[in-house]
Amino acid sequence: MPADKIAHEISRDAYAKAIGDLVLNYIDEFHPNELSPLAEFEAFHTLCKIKTILDSDGLEDRECFCRIDRIIKALGESGIYTHRHDS
């Protein structure tokens, strides 16, 4: 990975951490009973997407690359990113 891309990733990660901390501080103002159902719903929805992908008969490659790629996409759509399959 080129040095400028690494620097951008580090900078982006630092901003994400700072913004995440601000958001968590804001969330702390809520009662846990208000946020828990929302978080659980999002987690369940993501798991349902992953299960649907894994159960798909239309994805038959031996190494399951298509399944993994779609799982990563489903996670990304939920705001959970991985650099594992970056091009």
N, C-alpha and C. Protein backbone atom coordinates (compact mmCIF):
# COMPACT_ATOMS: atom_id res chain seq x y z
N MET A 1 0.85 -1.17 0.00
CA MET A 1 0.00 0.00 0.00
C MET A 1 0.90 1.24 0.00
N PRO A 2 0.64 2.22 -0.88
CA PRO A 2 1.46 3.43 -0.94
C PRO A 2 1.39 4.24 0.37
N ALA A 3 2.47 4.96 0.65
CA ALA A 3 2.56 5.72 1.90
C ALA A 3 1.45 6.75 2.03
N ASP A 4 1.06 7.43 0.93
CA ASP A 4 0.01 8.44 1.03
C ASP A 4 -1.34 7.81 1.36
N LYS A 5 -1.57 6.60 0.86
CA LYS A 5 -2.82 5.89 1.18
C LYS A 5 -2.82 5.49 2.65
N ILE A 6 -1.67 5.04 3.15
CA ILE A 6 -1.56 4.66 4.56
C ILE A 6 -1.80 5.89 5.44
N ALA A 7 -1.20 7.03 5.08
CA ALA A 7 -1.39 8.26 5.85
C ALA A 7 -2.86 8.67 5.85
N HIS A 8 -3.51 8.52 4.69
CA HIS A 8 -4.94 8.86 4.61
C HIS A 8 -5.76 7.93 5.51
N GLU A 9 -5.44 6.64 5.50
CA GLU A 9 -6.14 5.67 6.33
C GLU A 9 -5.97 6.01 7.81
N ILE A 10 -4.74 6.36 8.21
CA ILE A 10 -4.47 6.70 9.60
C ILE A 10 -5.24 7.95 9.98
N SER A 11 -5.22 8.95 9.11
CA SER A 11 -5.95 10.19 9.37
C SER A 11 -7.44 9.92 9.48
N ARG A 12 -7.95 9.13 8.56
CA ARG A 12 -9.38 8.78 8.56
C ARG A 12 -9.74 8.03 9.84
N ASP A 13 -8.89 7.08 10.23
CA ASP A 13 -9.14 6.32 11.45
C ASP A 13 -9.13 7.23 12.68
N ALA A 14 -8.24 8.21 12.70
CA ALA A 14 -8.18 9.15 13.83
C ALA A 14 -9.46 9.98 13.90
N TYR A 15 -9.93 10.46 12.74
CA TYR A 15 -11.18 11.22 12.71
C TYR A 15 -12.36 10.33 13.13
N ALA A 16 -12.37 9.10 12.64
CA ALA A 16 -13.45 8.18 13.00
C ALA A 16 -13.46 7.94 14.51
N LYS A 17 -12.29 7.78 15.09
CA LYS A 17 -12.20 7.58 16.54
C LYS A 17 -12.73 8.79 17.28
N ALA A 18 -12.32 9.99 16.86
CA ALA A 18 -12.76 11.22 17.53
C ALA A 18 -14.27 11.39 17.40
N ILE A 19 -14.78 11.17 16.21
CA ILE A 19 -16.23 11.30 15.99
C ILE A 19 -16.97 10.22 16.78
N GLY A 20 -16.42 9.01 16.78
CA GLY A 20 -17.03 7.93 17.56
C GLY A 20 -17.11 8.27 19.04
N ASP A 21 -16.05 8.87 19.57
CA ASP A 21 -16.05 9.28 20.98
C ASP A 21 -17.13 10.32 21.25
N LEU A 22 -17.27 11.28 20.33
CA LEU A 22 -18.31 12.30 20.49
C LEU A 22 -19.70 11.67 20.46
N VAL A 23 -19.89 10.76 19.54
CA VAL A 23 -21.19 10.09 19.43
C VAL A 23 -21.48 9.28 20.69
N LEU A 24 -20.47 8.55 21.18
CA LEU A 24 -20.67 7.77 22.40
C LEU A 24 -21.01 8.66 23.59
N ASN A 25 -20.36 9.81 23.68
CA ASN A 25 -20.69 10.76 24.75
C ASN A 25 -22.14 11.22 24.62
N TYR A 26 -22.58 11.48 23.40
CA TYR A 26 -23.97 11.89 23.16
C TYR A 26 -24.93 10.75 23.53
N ILE A 27 -24.58 9.55 23.14
CA ILE A 27 -25.43 8.38 23.42
C ILE A 27 -25.54 8.14 24.92
N ASP A 28 -24.49 8.44 25.65
CA ASP A 28 -24.51 8.24 27.11
C ASP A 28 -25.65 9.02 27.77
N GLU A 29 -26.14 10.05 27.08
CA GLU A 29 -27.24 10.84 27.61
C GLU A 29 -28.57 10.08 27.54
N PHE A 30 -28.64 9.05 26.69
CA PHE A 30 -29.85 8.26 26.55
C PHE A 30 -29.91 7.18 27.61
N HIS A 31 -31.08 6.73 27.88
CA HIS A 31 -31.27 5.59 28.77
C HIS A 31 -30.97 4.33 27.97
N PRO A 32 -30.23 3.37 28.51
CA PRO A 32 -29.88 2.16 27.77
C PRO A 32 -31.09 1.43 27.18
N ASN A 33 -32.21 1.49 27.85
CA ASN A 33 -33.40 0.81 27.35
C ASN A 33 -33.91 1.40 26.05
N GLU A 34 -33.52 2.63 25.74
CA GLU A 34 -33.93 3.26 24.49
C GLU A 34 -33.06 2.81 23.32
N LEU A 35 -31.77 2.63 23.57
CA LEU A 35 -30.83 2.30 22.50
C LEU A 35 -30.67 0.80 22.26
N SER A 36 -30.80 0.02 23.29
CA SER A 36 -30.59 -1.42 23.16
C SER A 36 -31.47 -2.06 22.09
N PRO A 37 -32.76 -1.80 22.06
CA PRO A 37 -33.58 -2.41 21.02
C PRO A 37 -33.17 -2.00 19.61
N LEU A 38 -32.74 -0.75 19.45
CA LEU A 38 -32.29 -0.30 18.13
C LEU A 38 -31.04 -1.03 17.70
N ALA A 39 -30.08 -1.16 18.60
CA ALA A 39 -28.83 -1.85 18.28
C ALA A 39 -29.09 -3.33 18.01
N GLU A 40 -29.95 -3.94 18.80
CA GLU A 40 -30.27 -5.35 18.60
C GLU A 40 -30.96 -5.57 17.27
N PHE A 41 -31.85 -4.67 16.88
CA PHE A 41 -32.53 -4.80 15.60
C PHE A 41 -31.54 -4.73 14.45
N GLU A 42 -30.63 -3.77 14.50
CA GLU A 42 -29.62 -3.63 13.44
C GLU A 42 -28.73 -4.86 13.37
N ALA A 43 -28.31 -5.37 14.52
CA ALA A 43 -27.46 -6.56 14.55
C ALA A 43 -28.22 -7.77 13.97
N PHE A 44 -29.47 -7.93 14.36
CA PHE A 44 -30.27 -9.05 13.87
C PHE A 44 -30.48 -8.93 12.36
N HIS A 45 -30.75 -7.73 11.89
CA HIS A 45 -30.95 -7.49 10.46
C HIS A 45 -29.69 -7.86 9.67
N THR A 46 -28.52 -7.49 10.18
CA THR A 46 -27.26 -7.82 9.52
C THR A 46 -27.04 -9.33 9.50
N LEU A 47 -27.31 -10.00 10.61
CA LEU A 47 -27.16 -11.45 10.65
C LEU A 47 -28.12 -12.14 9.69
N CYS A 48 -29.32 -11.62 9.54
CA CYS A 48 -30.28 -12.19 8.59
C CYS A 48 -29.76 -12.06 7.16
N LYS A 49 -29.14 -10.93 6.83
CA LYS A 49 -28.55 -10.75 5.51
C LYS A 49 -27.45 -11.78 5.27
N ILE A 50 -26.59 -11.96 6.27
CA ILE A 50 -25.48 -12.91 6.15
C ILE A 50 -26.02 -14.34 5.98
N LYS A 51 -27.02 -14.71 6.76
CA LYS A 51 -27.60 -16.04 6.64
C LYS A 51 -28.20 -16.26 5.26
N THR A 52 -28.90 -15.26 4.74
CA THR A 52 -29.49 -15.35 3.40
C THR A 52 -28.41 -15.57 2.35
N ILE A 53 -27.31 -14.86 2.49
CA ILE A 53 -26.19 -14.99 1.55
C ILE A 53 -25.60 -16.40 1.63
N LEU A 54 -25.36 -16.87 2.84
CA LEU A 54 -24.77 -18.19 3.02
C LEU A 54 -25.69 -19.31 2.53
N ASP A 55 -26.98 -19.10 2.64
CA ASP A 55 -27.95 -20.11 2.22
C ASP A 55 -28.25 -20.07 0.72
N SER A 56 -27.74 -19.07 0.03
CA SER A 56 -28.04 -18.90 -1.39
C SER A 56 -27.46 -20.04 -2.22
N ASP A 57 -28.32 -20.69 -3.00
CA ASP A 57 -27.86 -21.75 -3.89
C ASP A 57 -27.27 -21.19 -5.18
N GLY A 58 -27.45 -19.91 -5.42
CA GLY A 58 -26.95 -19.29 -6.64
C GLY A 58 -25.46 -18.97 -6.58
N LEU A 59 -24.85 -19.17 -5.45
CA LEU A 59 -23.42 -18.89 -5.28
C LEU A 59 -22.71 -20.21 -5.05
N GLU A 60 -22.11 -20.74 -6.10
CA GLU A 60 -21.56 -22.09 -6.03
C GLU A 60 -20.04 -22.18 -6.17
N ASP A 61 -19.32 -21.08 -6.14
CA ASP A 61 -17.87 -21.18 -6.32
C ASP A 61 -17.26 -21.99 -5.17
N ARG A 62 -16.26 -22.78 -5.52
CA ARG A 62 -15.66 -23.72 -4.58
C ARG A 62 -15.08 -23.03 -3.35
N GLU A 63 -14.49 -21.88 -3.52
CA GLU A 63 -13.85 -21.20 -2.39
C GLU A 63 -14.77 -20.23 -1.69
N CYS A 64 -16.02 -20.16 -2.12
CA CYS A 64 -17.04 -19.29 -1.50
C CYS A 64 -16.68 -17.81 -1.59
N PHE A 65 -15.89 -17.43 -2.58
CA PHE A 65 -15.50 -16.02 -2.70
C PHE A 65 -16.71 -15.12 -2.83
N CYS A 66 -17.67 -15.51 -3.65
CA CYS A 66 -18.86 -14.67 -3.85
C CYS A 66 -19.64 -14.51 -2.55
N ARG A 67 -19.76 -15.58 -1.79
CA ARG A 67 -20.46 -15.50 -0.51
C ARG A 67 -19.73 -14.54 0.44
N ILE A 68 -18.44 -14.69 0.54
CA ILE A 68 -17.65 -13.83 1.43
C ILE A 68 -17.75 -12.38 0.97
N ASP A 69 -17.65 -12.15 -0.33
CA ASP A 69 -17.74 -10.80 -0.86
C ASP A 69 -19.09 -10.17 -0.52
N ARG A 70 -20.15 -10.92 -0.62
CA ARG A 70 -21.48 -10.40 -0.29
C ARG A 70 -21.65 -10.18 1.21
N ILE A 71 -21.04 -11.03 2.01
CA ILE A 71 -21.09 -10.82 3.47
C ILE A 71 -20.37 -9.52 3.82
N ILE A 72 -19.22 -9.31 3.22
CA ILE A 72 -18.47 -8.08 3.48
C ILE A 72 -19.29 -6.86 3.04
N LYS A 73 -19.98 -6.98 1.92
CA LYS A 73 -20.84 -5.89 1.46
C LYS A 73 -21.98 -5.65 2.46
N ALA A 74 -22.59 -6.72 2.96
CA ALA A 74 -23.68 -6.58 3.95
C ALA A 74 -23.16 -5.91 5.22
N LEU A 75 -21.98 -6.31 5.65
CA LEU A 75 -21.39 -5.67 6.83
C LEU A 75 -21.12 -4.20 6.56
N GLY A 76 -20.58 -3.90 5.38
CA GLY A 76 -20.32 -2.50 5.01
C GLY A 76 -21.58 -1.67 4.98
N GLU A 77 -22.66 -2.25 4.49
CA GLU A 77 -23.94 -1.53 4.46
C GLU A 77 -24.43 -1.23 5.87
N SER A 78 -23.95 -1.98 6.84
CA SER A 78 -24.31 -1.76 8.23
C SER A 78 -23.27 -0.91 8.96
N GLY A 79 -22.29 -0.42 8.21
CA GLY A 79 -21.27 0.44 8.81
C GLY A 79 -20.13 -0.31 9.45
N ILE A 80 -20.03 -1.61 9.15
CA ILE A 80 -18.93 -2.42 9.68
C ILE A 80 -18.01 -2.73 8.51
N TYR A 81 -16.86 -2.05 8.47
CA TYR A 81 -15.97 -2.15 7.32
C TYR A 81 -14.76 -3.02 7.62
N THR A 82 -14.28 -3.65 6.58
CA THR A 82 -13.05 -4.43 6.68
C THR A 82 -12.18 -4.10 5.47
N HIS A 83 -10.89 -4.15 5.67
CA HIS A 83 -9.94 -3.89 4.58
C HIS A 83 -9.51 -5.20 3.95
N ARG A 84 -10.07 -6.28 4.40
CA ARG A 84 -9.67 -7.61 3.96
C ARG A 84 -9.79 -7.80 2.45
N HIS A 85 -10.83 -7.25 1.84
CA HIS A 85 -11.08 -7.45 0.42
C HIS A 85 -10.97 -6.17 -0.39
N ASP A 86 -10.24 -5.16 0.13
CA ASP A 86 -10.04 -3.94 -0.64
C ASP A 86 -9.24 -4.25 -1.89
N SER A 87 -9.56 -3.54 -2.95
CA SER A 87 -8.79 -3.77 -4.18
C SER A 87 -7.68 -2.75 -4.30
